[in-house]
Amino acid sequence: MPNFFSKQRIAAFKKQSGRCYYCGSFMWLENCKKFAIKYSISESEAARFQCTAEHLLARSDGGNNSSENIVAACRFCNGTRHRRKTPLVPNKYKSYIHKRIRQGKWHPYKFHHLLSSQS
């Protein structure tokens, strides 16, 4: 039985048509192996595209668990944002990622077939 937070992640995943809020890549919710087969990548490579829930405004900064504050993001984008000394605000981080994608410096080239054409 999914908990409240899992339900929020699933709802965001569906609302975003299974695409990462930041980079626009396809993500997986439940079956890494199936995703890897579908996109001709290894399971370890597919792990970076696992769907995670991302608070746009962190709870520590006053954000809440509302559906307006939670988006679905791939594990790579979410983790990379939070490894920064000072995480960028979501809209600036999204712009930064799209700039890096255009430069071919975000996801390795072999994953570009997973990305949105909007990058």
PDB file of N, CA and C in Angstrom:
ATOM      1  N   MET A   1       0.841  -1.191   0.000  1.00  0.00           N
ATOM      2  CA  MET A   1       0.000   0.000   0.000  1.00  0.00           C
ATOM      3  C   MET A   1       0.884   1.253   0.000  1.00  0.00           C
ATOM      4  N   PRO A   2       0.777   2.082  -1.036  1.00  0.00           N
ATOM      5  CA  PRO A   2       1.620   3.279  -1.102  1.00  0.00           C
ATOM      6  C   PRO A   2       1.276   4.278   0.003  1.00  0.00           C
ATOM      7  N   ASN A   3       2.324   4.911   0.545  1.00  0.00           N
ATOM      8  CA  ASN A   3       2.083   5.950   1.544  1.00  0.00           C
ATOM      9  C   ASN A   3       1.745   7.277   0.847  1.00  0.00           C
ATOM     10  N   PHE A   4       1.476   8.296   1.618  1.00  0.00           N
ATOM     11  CA  PHE A   4       1.077   9.598   1.080  1.00  0.00           C
ATOM     12  C   PHE A   4       2.115  10.137   0.103  1.00  0.00           C
ATOM     13  N   PHE A   5       3.395  10.059   0.497  1.00  0.00           N
ATOM     14  CA  PHE A   5       4.460  10.602  -0.343  1.00  0.00           C
ATOM     15  C   PHE A   5       4.578   9.821  -1.648  1.00  0.00           C
ATOM     16  N   SER A   6       4.436   8.502  -1.591  1.00  0.00           N
ATOM     17  CA  SER A   6       4.463   7.684  -2.806  1.00  0.00           C
ATOM     18  C   SER A   6       3.327   8.074  -3.739  1.00  0.00           C
ATOM     19  N   LYS A   7       2.169   8.332  -3.172  1.00  0.00           N
ATOM     20  CA  LYS A   7       1.017   8.739  -3.986  1.00  0.00           C
ATOM     21  C   LYS A   7       1.295  10.068  -4.674  1.00  0.00           C
ATOM     22  N   GLN A   8       1.955  10.976  -3.976  1.00  0.00           N
ATOM     23  CA  GLN A   8       2.301  12.272  -4.569  1.00  0.00           C
ATOM     24  C   GLN A   8       3.278  12.081  -5.737  1.00  0.00           C
ATOM     25  N   ARG A   9       4.275  11.204  -5.548  1.00  0.00           N
ATOM     26  CA  ARG A   9       5.253  10.934  -6.596  1.00  0.00           C
ATOM     27  C   ARG A   9       4.566  10.326  -7.818  1.00  0.00           C
ATOM     28  N   ILE A  10       3.688   9.373  -7.586  1.00  0.00           N
ATOM     29  CA  ILE A  10       2.969   8.709  -8.686  1.00  0.00           C
ATOM     30  C   ILE A  10       2.090   9.715  -9.420  1.00  0.00           C
ATOM     31  N   ALA A  11       1.410  10.568  -8.667  1.00  0.00           N
ATOM     32  CA  ALA A  11       0.548  11.583  -9.284  1.00  0.00           C
ATOM     33  C   ALA A  11       1.372  12.550 -10.129  1.00  0.00           C
ATOM     34  N   ALA A  12       2.539  12.967  -9.616  1.00  0.00           N
ATOM     35  CA  ALA A  12       3.404  13.881 -10.373  1.00  0.00           C
ATOM     36  C   ALA A  12       3.928  13.186 -11.629  1.00  0.00           C
ATOM     37  N   PHE A  13       4.306  11.913 -11.511  1.00  0.00           N
ATOM     38  CA  PHE A  13       4.783  11.128 -12.650  1.00  0.00           C
ATOM     39  C   PHE A  13       3.727  11.113 -13.751  1.00  0.00           C
ATOM     40  N   LYS A  14       2.494  10.835 -13.378  1.00  0.00           N
ATOM     41  CA  LYS A  14       1.409  10.783 -14.360  1.00  0.00           C
ATOM     42  C   LYS A  14       1.124  12.163 -14.958  1.00  0.00           C
ATOM     43  N   LYS A  15       1.101  13.172 -14.120  1.00  0.00           N
ATOM     44  CA  LYS A  15       0.836  14.541 -14.578  1.00  0.00           C
ATOM     45  C   LYS A  15       1.883  14.994 -15.595  1.00  0.00           C
ATOM     46  N   GLN A  16       3.121  14.543 -15.409  1.00  0.00           N
ATOM     47  CA  GLN A  16       4.235  14.923 -16.279  1.00  0.00           C
ATOM     48  C   GLN A  16       4.462  13.897 -17.394  1.00  0.00           C
ATOM     49  N   SER A  17       3.520  13.014 -17.595  1.00  0.00           N
ATOM     50  CA  SER A  17       3.608  11.982 -18.643  1.00  0.00           C
ATOM     51  C   SER A  17       4.873  11.142 -18.549  1.00  0.00           C
ATOM     52  N   GLY A  18       5.312  10.872 -17.324  1.00  0.00           N
ATOM     53  CA  GLY A  18       6.479  10.023 -17.118  1.00  0.00           C
ATOM     54  C   GLY A  18       7.804  10.668 -17.457  1.00  0.00           C
ATOM     55  N   ARG A  19       7.817  11.989 -17.539  1.00  0.00           N
ATOM     56  CA  ARG A  19       9.037  12.726 -17.884  1.00  0.00           C
ATOM     57  C   ARG A  19       9.580  13.486 -16.672  1.00  0.00           C
ATOM     58  N   CYS A  20      10.896  13.592 -16.601  1.00  0.00           N
ATOM     59  CA  CYS A  20      11.552  14.328 -15.522  1.00  0.00           C
ATOM     60  C   CYS A  20      11.220  15.820 -15.618  1.00  0.00           C
ATOM     61  N   TYR A  21      10.903  16.406 -14.490  1.00  0.00           N
ATOM     62  CA  TYR A  21      10.592  17.830 -14.431  1.00  0.00           C
ATOM     63  C   TYR A  21      11.765  18.677 -14.941  1.00  0.00           C
ATOM     64  N   TYR A  22      12.983  18.255 -14.654  1.00  0.00           N
ATOM     65  CA  TYR A  22      14.154  19.052 -14.997  1.00  0.00           C
ATOM     66  C   TYR A  22      14.697  18.787 -16.399  1.00  0.00           C
ATOM     67  N   CYS A  23      15.005  17.536 -16.714  1.00  0.00           N
ATOM     68  CA  CYS A  23      15.676  17.257 -17.993  1.00  0.00           C
ATOM     69  C   CYS A  23      14.726  16.759 -19.081  1.00  0.00           C
ATOM     70  N   GLY A  24      13.527  16.356 -18.711  1.00  0.00           N
ATOM     71  CA  GLY A  24      12.558  15.895 -19.697  1.00  0.00           C
ATOM     72  C   GLY A  24      12.728  14.452 -20.125  1.00  0.00           C
ATOM     73  N   SER A  25      13.634  13.712 -19.488  1.00  0.00           N
ATOM     74  CA  SER A  25      13.842  12.311 -19.867  1.00  0.00           C
ATOM     75  C   SER A  25      12.687  11.439 -19.388  1.00  0.00           C
ATOM     76  N   PHE A  26      12.523  10.314 -20.060  1.00  0.00           N
ATOM     77  CA  PHE A  26      11.584   9.320 -19.574  1.00  0.00           C
ATOM     78  C   PHE A  26      12.117   8.769 -18.262  1.00  0.00           C
ATOM     79  N   MET A  27      11.215   8.364 -17.380  1.00  0.00           N
ATOM     80  CA  MET A  27      11.591   7.779 -16.091  1.00  0.00           C
ATOM     81  C   MET A  27      10.812   6.490 -15.886  1.00  0.00           C
ATOM     82  N   TRP A  28      11.217   5.730 -14.894  1.00  0.00           N
ATOM     83  CA  TRP A  28      10.478   4.524 -14.530  1.00  0.00           C
ATOM     84  C   TRP A  28      10.064   4.612 -13.067  1.00  0.00           C
ATOM     85  N   LEU A  29       8.924   4.005 -12.774  1.00  0.00           N
ATOM     86  CA  LEU A  29       8.403   3.986 -11.411  1.00  0.00           C
ATOM     87  C   LEU A  29       8.616   2.644 -10.722  1.00  0.00           C
ATOM     88  N   GLU A  30       8.335   1.563 -11.429  1.00  0.00           N
ATOM     89  CA  GLU A  30       8.270   0.273 -10.755  1.00  0.00           C
ATOM     90  C   GLU A  30       9.194  -0.803 -11.297  1.00  0.00           C
ATOM     91  N   ASN A  31       9.584  -0.737 -12.551  1.00  0.00           N
ATOM     92  CA  ASN A  31      10.299  -1.868 -13.118  1.00  0.00           C
ATOM     93  C   ASN A  31      11.528  -1.417 -13.904  1.00  0.00           C
ATOM     94  N   CYS A  32      12.639  -1.407 -13.220  1.00  0.00           N
ATOM     95  CA  CYS A  32      13.901  -0.978 -13.835  1.00  0.00           C
ATOM     96  C   CYS A  32      14.273  -1.873 -15.015  1.00  0.00           C
ATOM     97  N   LYS A  33      14.116  -3.160 -14.847  1.00  0.00           N
ATOM     98  CA  LYS A  33      14.504  -4.108 -15.888  1.00  0.00           C
ATOM     99  C   LYS A  33      13.699  -3.889 -17.165  1.00  0.00           C
ATOM    100  N   LYS A  34      12.402  -3.706 -17.024  1.00  0.00           N
ATOM    101  CA  LYS A  34      11.527  -3.475 -18.179  1.00  0.00           C
ATOM    102  C   LYS A  34      11.921  -2.173 -18.897  1.00  0.00           C
ATOM    103  N   PHE A  35      12.203  -1.138 -18.117  1.00  0.00           N
ATOM    104  CA  PHE A  35      12.639   0.151 -18.660  1.00  0.00           C
ATOM    105  C   PHE A  35      13.948  -0.028 -19.430  1.00  0.00           C
ATOM    106  N   ALA A  36      14.896  -0.737 -18.829  1.00  0.00           N
ATOM    107  CA  ALA A  36      16.203  -0.953 -19.459  1.00  0.00           C
ATOM    108  C   ALA A  36      16.053  -1.685 -20.795  1.00  0.00           C
ATOM    109  N   ILE A  37      15.211  -2.685 -20.818  1.00  0.00           N
ATOM    110  CA  ILE A  37      14.991  -3.435 -22.059  1.00  0.00           C
ATOM    111  C   ILE A  37      14.340  -2.541 -23.112  1.00  0.00           C
ATOM    112  N   LYS A  38      13.323  -1.799 -22.697  1.00  0.00           N
ATOM    113  CA  LYS A  38      12.599  -0.935 -23.636  1.00  0.00           C
ATOM    114  C   LYS A  38      13.525   0.078 -24.309  1.00  0.00           C
ATOM    115  N   TYR A  39      14.467   0.636 -23.545  1.00  0.00           N
ATOM    116  CA  TYR A  39      15.328   1.687 -24.079  1.00  0.00           C
ATOM    117  C   TYR A  39      16.744   1.217 -24.402  1.00  0.00           C
ATOM    118  N   SER A  40      16.943  -0.098 -24.409  1.00  0.00           N
ATOM    119  CA  SER A  40      18.229  -0.701 -24.795  1.00  0.00           C
ATOM    120  C   SER A  40      19.414  -0.166 -23.988  1.00  0.00           C
ATOM    121  N   ILE A  41      19.240  -0.139 -22.676  1.00  0.00           N
ATOM    122  CA  ILE A  41      20.313   0.263 -21.777  1.00  0.00           C
ATOM    123  C   ILE A  41      20.407  -0.790 -20.669  1.00  0.00           C
ATOM    124  N   SER A  42      21.484  -0.777 -19.906  1.00  0.00           N
ATOM    125  CA  SER A  42      21.635  -1.742 -18.818  1.00  0.00           C
ATOM    126  C   SER A  42      20.788  -1.313 -17.622  1.00  0.00           C
ATOM    127  N   GLU A  43      20.558  -2.236 -16.717  1.00  0.00           N
ATOM    128  CA  GLU A  43      19.796  -1.898 -15.517  1.00  0.00           C
ATOM    129  C   GLU A  43      20.535  -0.874 -14.666  1.00  0.00           C
ATOM    130  N   SER A  44      21.859  -0.982 -14.603  1.00  0.00           N
ATOM    131  CA  SER A  44      22.607   0.008 -13.820  1.00  0.00           C
ATOM    132  C   SER A  44      22.513   1.396 -14.464  1.00  0.00           C
ATOM    133  N   GLU A  45      22.473   1.453 -15.783  1.00  0.00           N
ATOM    134  CA  GLU A  45      22.291   2.739 -16.465  1.00  0.00           C
ATOM    135  C   GLU A  45      20.869   3.262 -16.246  1.00  0.00           C
ATOM    136  N   ALA A  46      19.906   2.366 -16.232  1.00  0.00           N
ATOM    137  CA  ALA A  46      18.508   2.757 -16.047  1.00  0.00           C
ATOM    138  C   ALA A  46      18.254   3.318 -14.651  1.00  0.00           C
ATOM    139  N   ALA A  47      19.090   2.952 -13.684  1.00  0.00           N
ATOM    140  CA  ALA A  47      18.896   3.414 -12.306  1.00  0.00           C
ATOM    141  C   ALA A  47      18.863   4.937 -12.215  1.00  0.00           C
ATOM    142  N   ARG A  48      19.622   5.625 -13.058  1.00  0.00           N
ATOM    143  CA  ARG A  48      19.654   7.092 -13.005  1.00  0.00           C
ATOM    144  C   ARG A  48      18.313   7.711 -13.400  1.00  0.00           C
ATOM    145  N   PHE A  49      17.448   6.920 -14.067  1.00  0.00           N
ATOM    146  CA  PHE A  49      16.160   7.427 -14.525  1.00  0.00           C
ATOM    147  C   PHE A  49      14.988   6.995 -13.639  1.00  0.00           C
ATOM    148  N   GLN A  50      15.308   6.498 -12.445  1.00  0.00           N
ATOM    149  CA  GLN A  50      14.241   6.142 -11.505  1.00  0.00           C
ATOM    150  C   GLN A  50      13.509   7.419 -11.097  1.00  0.00           C
ATOM    151  N   CYS A  51      12.199   7.353 -11.035  1.00  0.00           N
ATOM    152  CA  CYS A  51      11.388   8.500 -10.655  1.00  0.00           C
ATOM    153  C   CYS A  51      11.508   8.751  -9.153  1.00  0.00           C
ATOM    154  N   THR A  52      11.824   9.985  -8.800  1.00  0.00           N
ATOM    155  CA  THR A  52      11.859  10.407  -7.404  1.00  0.00           C
ATOM    156  C   THR A  52      10.922  11.599  -7.242  1.00  0.00           C
ATOM    157  N   ALA A  53      10.496  11.818  -6.012  1.00  0.00           N
ATOM    158  CA  ALA A  53       9.679  12.998  -5.728  1.00  0.00           C
ATOM    159  C   ALA A  53      10.609  14.129  -5.322  1.00  0.00           C
ATOM    160  N   GLU A  54      10.380  15.280  -5.862  1.00  0.00           N
ATOM    161  CA  GLU A  54      11.228  16.446  -5.608  1.00  0.00           C
ATOM    162  C   GLU A  54      10.373  17.586  -5.075  1.00  0.00           C
ATOM    163  N   HIS A  55      10.743  18.112  -3.927  1.00  0.00           N
ATOM    164  CA  HIS A  55      10.076  19.304  -3.400  1.00  0.00           C
ATOM    165  C   HIS A  55      10.660  20.521  -4.102  1.00  0.00           C
ATOM    166  N   LEU A  56       9.837  21.308  -4.729  1.00  0.00           N
ATOM    167  CA  LEU A  56      10.328  22.520  -5.380  1.00  0.00           C
ATOM    168  C   LEU A  56      10.873  23.488  -4.338  1.00  0.00           C
ATOM    169  N   LEU A  57      10.144  23.653  -3.260  1.00  0.00           N
ATOM    170  CA  LEU A  57      10.620  24.418  -2.109  1.00  0.00           C
ATOM    171  C   LEU A  57      10.813  23.404  -0.992  1.00  0.00           C
ATOM    172  N   ALA A  58      12.050  23.209  -0.588  1.00  0.00           N
ATOM    173  CA  ALA A  58      12.368  22.203   0.432  1.00  0.00           C
ATOM    174  C   ALA A  58      11.562  22.431   1.702  1.00  0.00           C
ATOM    175  N   ARG A  59      11.229  21.340   2.365  1.00  0.00           N
ATOM    176  CA  ARG A  59      10.496  21.450   3.624  1.00  0.00           C
ATOM    177  C   ARG A  59      11.296  22.248   4.638  1.00  0.00           C
ATOM    178  N   SER A  60      12.617  22.116   4.603  1.00  0.00           N
ATOM    179  CA  SER A  60      13.470  22.865   5.539  1.00  0.00           C
ATOM    180  C   SER A  60      13.417  24.368   5.281  1.00  0.00           C
ATOM    181  N   ASP A  61      12.959  24.751   4.077  1.00  0.00           N
ATOM    182  CA  ASP A  61      12.824  26.171   3.727  1.00  0.00           C
ATOM    183  C   ASP A  61      11.375  26.635   3.777  1.00  0.00           C
ATOM    184  N   GLY A  62      10.509  25.814   4.380  1.00  0.00           N
ATOM    185  CA  GLY A  62       9.106  26.198   4.514  1.00  0.00           C
ATOM    186  C   GLY A  62       8.173  25.557   3.503  1.00  0.00           C
ATOM    187  N   GLY A  63       8.700  24.686   2.636  1.00  0.00           N
ATOM    188  CA  GLY A  63       7.857  24.009   1.659  1.00  0.00           C
ATOM    189  C   GLY A  63       6.989  22.952   2.329  1.00  0.00           C
ATOM    190  N   ASN A  64       5.973  22.521   1.621  1.00  0.00           N
ATOM    191  CA  ASN A  64       5.064  21.523   2.179  1.00  0.00           C
ATOM    192  C   ASN A  64       4.954  20.331   1.235  1.00  0.00           C
ATOM    193  N   ASN A  65       4.092  19.400   1.593  1.00  0.00           N
ATOM    194  CA  ASN A  65       3.902  18.193   0.785  1.00  0.00           C
ATOM    195  C   ASN A  65       2.714  18.304  -0.161  1.00  0.00           C
ATOM    196  N   SER A  66       2.346  19.503  -0.548  1.00  0.00           N
ATOM    197  CA  SER A  66       1.210  19.674  -1.449  1.00  0.00           C
ATOM    198  C   SER A  66       1.596  19.256  -2.863  1.00  0.00           C
ATOM    199  N   SER A  67       0.606  18.908  -3.640  1.00  0.00           N
ATOM    200  CA  SER A  67       0.878  18.485  -5.023  1.00  0.00           C
ATOM    201  C   SER A  67       1.487  19.618  -5.845  1.00  0.00           C
ATOM    202  N   GLU A  68       1.244  20.854  -5.478  1.00  0.00           N
ATOM    203  CA  GLU A  68       1.827  21.994  -6.197  1.00  0.00           C
ATOM    204  C   GLU A  68       3.317  22.128  -5.911  1.00  0.00           C
ATOM    205  N   ASN A  69       3.786  21.550  -4.796  1.00  0.00           N
ATOM    206  CA  ASN A  69       5.183  21.675  -4.400  1.00  0.00           C
ATOM    207  C   ASN A  69       5.999  20.420  -4.714  1.00  0.00           C
ATOM    208  N   ILE A  70       5.355  19.372  -5.182  1.00  0.00           N
ATOM    209  CA  ILE A  70       6.064  18.123  -5.470  1.00  0.00           C
ATOM    210  C   ILE A  70       5.994  17.816  -6.960  1.00  0.00           C
ATOM    211  N   VAL A  71       7.159  17.579  -7.539  1.00  0.00           N
ATOM    212  CA  VAL A  71       7.250  17.181  -8.935  1.00  0.00           C
ATOM    213  C   VAL A  71       8.014  15.860  -9.013  1.00  0.00           C
ATOM    214  N   ALA A  72       7.942  15.221 -10.160  1.00  0.00           N
ATOM    215  CA  ALA A  72       8.688  13.989 -10.395  1.00  0.00           C
ATOM    216  C   ALA A  72       9.982  14.357 -11.114  1.00  0.00           C
ATOM    217  N   ALA A  73      11.092  13.850 -10.593  1.00  0.00           N
ATOM    218  CA  ALA A  73      12.394  14.112 -11.200  1.00  0.00           C
ATOM    219  C   ALA A  73      13.190  12.817 -11.243  1.00  0.00           C
ATOM    220  N   CYS A  74      13.998  12.660 -12.271  1.00  0.00           N
ATOM    221  CA  CYS A  74      14.838  11.459 -12.336  1.00  0.00           C
ATOM    222  C   CYS A  74      15.862  11.518 -11.204  1.00  0.00           C
ATOM    223  N   ARG A  75      16.295  10.350 -10.803  1.00  0.00           N
ATOM    224  CA  ARG A  75      17.244  10.249  -9.692  1.00  0.00           C
ATOM    225  C   ARG A  75      18.494  11.095  -9.951  1.00  0.00           C
ATOM    226  N   PHE A  76      18.976  11.117 -11.192  1.00  0.00           N
ATOM    227  CA  PHE A  76      20.191  11.865 -11.510  1.00  0.00           C
ATOM    228  C   PHE A  76      19.999  13.366 -11.293  1.00  0.00           C
ATOM    229  N   CYS A  77      18.935  13.929 -11.844  1.00  0.00           N
ATOM    230  CA  CYS A  77      18.699  15.370 -11.700  1.00  0.00           C
ATOM    231  C   CYS A  77      18.460  15.748 -10.236  1.00  0.00           C
ATOM    232  N   ASN A  78      17.641  14.975  -9.560  1.00  0.00           N
ATOM    233  CA  ASN A  78      17.324  15.261  -8.167  1.00  0.00           C
ATOM    234  C   ASN A  78      18.587  15.193  -7.315  1.00  0.00           C
ATOM    235  N   GLY A  79      19.345  14.112  -7.447  1.00  0.00           N
ATOM    236  CA  GLY A  79      20.549  13.946  -6.645  1.00  0.00           C
ATOM    237  C   GLY A  79      21.607  14.981  -6.944  1.00  0.00           C
ATOM    238  N   THR A  80      21.758  15.321  -8.222  1.00  0.00           N
ATOM    239  CA  THR A  80      22.767  16.302  -8.608  1.00  0.00           C
ATOM    240  C   THR A  80      22.428  17.674  -8.046  1.00  0.00           C
ATOM    241  N   ARG A  81      21.162  18.021  -8.047  1.00  0.00           N
ATOM    242  CA  ARG A  81      20.752  19.313  -7.484  1.00  0.00           C
ATOM    243  C   ARG A  81      21.112  19.392  -6.012  1.00  0.00           C
ATOM    244  N   HIS A  82      20.896  18.329  -5.286  1.00  0.00           N
ATOM    245  CA  HIS A  82      21.103  18.370  -3.835  1.00  0.00           C
ATOM    246  C   HIS A  82      22.541  18.115  -3.414  1.00  0.00           C
ATOM    247  N   ARG A  83      23.402  17.753  -4.357  1.00  0.00           N
ATOM    248  CA  ARG A  83      24.827  17.623  -4.043  1.00  0.00           C
ATOM    249  C   ARG A  83      25.568  18.954  -4.184  1.00  0.00           C
ATOM    250  N   ARG A  84      24.902  19.937  -4.742  1.00  0.00           N
ATOM    251  CA  ARG A  84      25.522  21.255  -4.898  1.00  0.00           C
ATOM    252  C   ARG A  84      25.662  21.904  -3.519  1.00  0.00           C
ATOM    253  N   LYS A  85      26.703  22.723  -3.324  1.00  0.00           N
ATOM    254  CA  LYS A  85      26.871  23.420  -2.045  1.00  0.00           C
ATOM    255  C   LYS A  85      25.648  24.277  -1.749  1.00  0.00           C
ATOM    256  N   THR A  86      25.212  24.998  -2.779  1.00  0.00           N
ATOM    257  CA  THR A  86      24.014  25.820  -2.663  1.00  0.00           C
ATOM    258  C   THR A  86      23.100  25.442  -3.820  1.00  0.00           C
ATOM    259  N   PRO A  87      22.087  24.594  -3.558  1.00  0.00           N
ATOM    260  CA  PRO A  87      21.206  24.178  -4.660  1.00  0.00           C
ATOM    261  C   PRO A  87      20.523  25.377  -5.314  1.00  0.00           C
ATOM    262  N   LEU A  88      20.483  25.355  -6.635  1.00  0.00           N
ATOM    263  CA  LEU A  88      19.784  26.407  -7.377  1.00  0.00           C
ATOM    264  C   LEU A  88      18.280  26.262  -7.169  1.00  0.00           C
ATOM    265  N   VAL A  89      17.570  27.367  -7.277  1.00  0.00           N
ATOM    266  CA  VAL A  89      16.112  27.292  -7.224  1.00  0.00           C
ATOM    267  C   VAL A  89      15.655  26.516  -8.457  1.00  0.00           C
ATOM    268  N   PRO A  90      14.514  25.832  -8.366  1.00  0.00           N
ATOM    269  CA  PRO A  90      14.096  24.925  -9.445  1.00  0.00           C
ATOM    270  C   PRO A  90      14.116  25.504 -10.856  1.00  0.00           C
ATOM    271  N   ASN A  91      13.595  26.701 -11.059  1.00  0.00           N
ATOM    272  CA  ASN A  91      13.557  27.223 -12.434  1.00  0.00           C
ATOM    273  C   ASN A  91      14.957  27.516 -12.969  1.00  0.00           C
ATOM    274  N   LYS A  92      15.866  27.971 -12.121  1.00  0.00           N
ATOM    275  CA  LYS A  92      17.250  28.216 -12.562  1.00  0.00           C
ATOM    276  C   LYS A  92      17.980  26.895 -12.794  1.00  0.00           C
ATOM    277  N   TYR A  93      17.697  25.905 -11.960  1.00  0.00           N
ATOM    278  CA  TYR A  93      18.310  24.592 -12.131  1.00  0.00           C
ATOM    279  C   TYR A  93      17.836  23.957 -13.442  1.00  0.00           C
ATOM    280  N   LYS A  94      16.559  24.095 -13.725  1.00  0.00           N
ATOM    281  CA  LYS A  94      16.003  23.554 -14.972  1.00  0.00           C
ATOM    282  C   LYS A  94      16.676  24.217 -16.181  1.00  0.00           C
ATOM    283  N   SER A  95      16.833  25.523 -16.142  1.00  0.00           N
ATOM    284  CA  SER A  95      17.510  26.242 -17.234  1.00  0.00           C
ATOM    285  C   SER A  95      18.958  25.787 -17.369  1.00  0.00           C
ATOM    286  N   TYR A  96      19.630  25.623 -16.242  1.00  0.00           N
ATOM    287  CA  TYR A  96      21.016  25.151 -16.233  1.00  0.00           C
ATOM    288  C   TYR A  96      21.112  23.774 -16.895  1.00  0.00           C
ATOM    289  N   ILE A  97      20.205  22.867 -16.537  1.00  0.00           N
ATOM    290  CA  ILE A  97      20.210  21.521 -17.109  1.00  0.00           C
ATOM    291  C   ILE A  97      19.977  21.568 -18.615  1.00  0.00           C
ATOM    292  N   HIS A  98      19.017  22.364 -19.063  1.00  0.00           N
ATOM    293  CA  HIS A  98      18.724  22.433 -20.501  1.00  0.00           C
ATOM    294  C   HIS A  98      19.903  23.026 -21.277  1.00  0.00           C
ATOM    295  N   LYS A  99      20.605  23.952 -20.668  1.00  0.00           N
ATOM    296  CA  LYS A  99      21.817  24.497 -21.296  1.00  0.00           C
ATOM    297  C   LYS A  99      22.860  23.385 -21.419  1.00  0.00           C
ATOM    298  N   ARG A 100      23.054  22.611 -20.357  1.00  0.00           N
ATOM    299  CA  ARG A 100      24.019  21.513 -20.365  1.00  0.00           C
ATOM    300  C   ARG A 100      23.621  20.433 -21.376  1.00  0.00           C
ATOM    301  N   ILE A 101      22.325  20.162 -21.500  1.00  0.00           N
ATOM    302  CA  ILE A 101      21.857  19.174 -22.476  1.00  0.00           C
ATOM    303  C   ILE A 101      22.198  19.649 -23.887  1.00  0.00           C
ATOM    304  N   ARG A 102      21.925  20.917 -24.178  1.00  0.00           N
ATOM    305  CA  ARG A 102      22.245  21.465 -25.504  1.00  0.00           C
ATOM    306  C   ARG A 102      23.743  21.364 -25.803  1.00  0.00           C
ATOM    307  N   GLN A 103      24.565  21.446 -24.767  1.00  0.00           N
ATOM    308  CA  GLN A 103      26.013  21.333 -24.923  1.00  0.00           C
ATOM    309  C   GLN A 103      26.470  19.866 -24.953  1.00  0.00           C
ATOM    310  N   GLY A 104      25.538  18.949 -24.720  1.00  0.00           N
ATOM    311  CA  GLY A 104      25.874  17.530 -24.676  1.00  0.00           C
ATOM    312  C   GLY A 104      26.601  17.136 -23.409  1.00  0.00           C
ATOM    313  N   LYS A 105      26.352  17.877 -22.317  1.00  0.00           N
ATOM    314  CA  LYS A 105      27.101  17.669 -21.081  1.00  0.00           C
ATOM    315  C   LYS A 105      26.237  17.331 -19.871  1.00  0.00           C
ATOM    316  N   TRP A 106      25.082  16.772 -20.069  1.00  0.00           N
ATOM    317  CA  TRP A 106      24.274  16.391 -18.904  1.00  0.00           C
ATOM    318  C   TRP A 106      24.203  14.875 -18.806  1.00  0.00           C
ATOM    319  N   HIS A 107      23.350  14.261 -19.577  1.00  0.00           N
ATOM    320  CA  HIS A 107      23.327  12.804 -19.652  1.00  0.00           C
ATOM    321  C   HIS A 107      24.277  12.398 -20.779  1.00  0.00           C
ATOM    322  N   PRO A 108      24.961  11.266 -20.628  1.00  0.00           N
ATOM    323  CA  PRO A 108      25.814  10.805 -21.738  1.00  0.00           C
ATOM    324  C   PRO A 108      25.011  10.691 -23.040  1.00  0.00           C
ATOM    325  N   TYR A 109      25.691  10.854 -24.138  1.00  0.00           N
ATOM    326  CA  TYR A 109      25.049  10.856 -25.456  1.00  0.00           C
ATOM    327  C   TYR A 109      24.175   9.627 -25.682  1.00  0.00           C
ATOM    328  N   LYS A 110      24.599   8.467 -25.191  1.00  0.00           N
ATOM    329  CA  LYS A 110      23.833   7.251 -25.443  1.00  0.00           C
ATOM    330  C   LYS A 110      22.457   7.263 -24.793  1.00  0.00           C
ATOM    331  N   PHE A 111      22.181   8.260 -23.944  1.00  0.00           N
ATOM    332  CA  PHE A 111      20.864   8.378 -23.312  1.00  0.00           C
ATOM    333  C   PHE A 111      19.993   9.451 -23.960  1.00  0.00           C
ATOM    334  N   HIS A 112      20.491  10.118 -24.968  1.00  0.00           N
ATOM    335  CA  HIS A 112      19.746  11.233 -25.559  1.00  0.00           C
ATOM    336  C   HIS A 112      18.423  10.827 -26.193  1.00  0.00           C
ATOM    337  N   HIS A 113      18.271   9.558 -26.536  1.00  0.00           N
ATOM    338  CA  HIS A 113      16.975   9.108 -27.074  1.00  0.00           C
ATOM    339  C   HIS A 113      15.891   9.088 -25.997  1.00  0.00           C
ATOM    340  N   LEU A 114      16.276   9.245 -24.734  1.00  0.00           N
ATOM    341  CA  LEU A 114      15.307   9.306 -23.630  1.00  0.00           C
ATOM    342  C   LEU A 114      14.858  10.726 -23.342  1.00  0.00           C
ATOM    343  N   LEU A 115      15.541  11.701 -23.892  1.00  0.00           N
ATOM    344  CA  LEU A 115      15.276  13.110 -23.574  1.00  0.00           C
ATOM    345  C   LEU A 115      14.152  13.685 -24.411  1.00  0.00           C
ATOM    346  N   SER A 116      13.529  14.681 -23.837  1.00  0.00           N
ATOM    347  CA  SER A 116      12.484  15.420 -24.545  1.00  0.00           C
ATOM    348  C   SER A 116      13.119  16.215 -25.662  1.00  0.00           C
ATOM    349  N   SER A 117      12.405  16.380 -26.738  1.00  0.00           N
ATOM    350  CA  SER A 117      12.925  17.183 -27.850  1.00  0.00           C
ATOM    351  C   SER A 117      12.880  18.675 -27.523  1.00  0.00           C
ATOM    352  N   GLN A 118      12.341  19.033 -26.351  1.00  0.00           N
ATOM    353  CA  GLN A 118      12.224  20.431 -25.942  1.00  0.00           C
ATOM    354  C   GLN A 118      13.528  20.982 -25.392  1.00  0.00           C
ATOM    355  N   SER A 119      14.530  20.128 -25.162  1.00  0.00           N
ATOM    356  CA  SER A 119      15.777  20.574 -24.510  1.00  0.00           C
ATOM    357  C   SER A 119      16.550  21.563 -25.338  1.00  0.00           C
TER     358      SER A 119
END
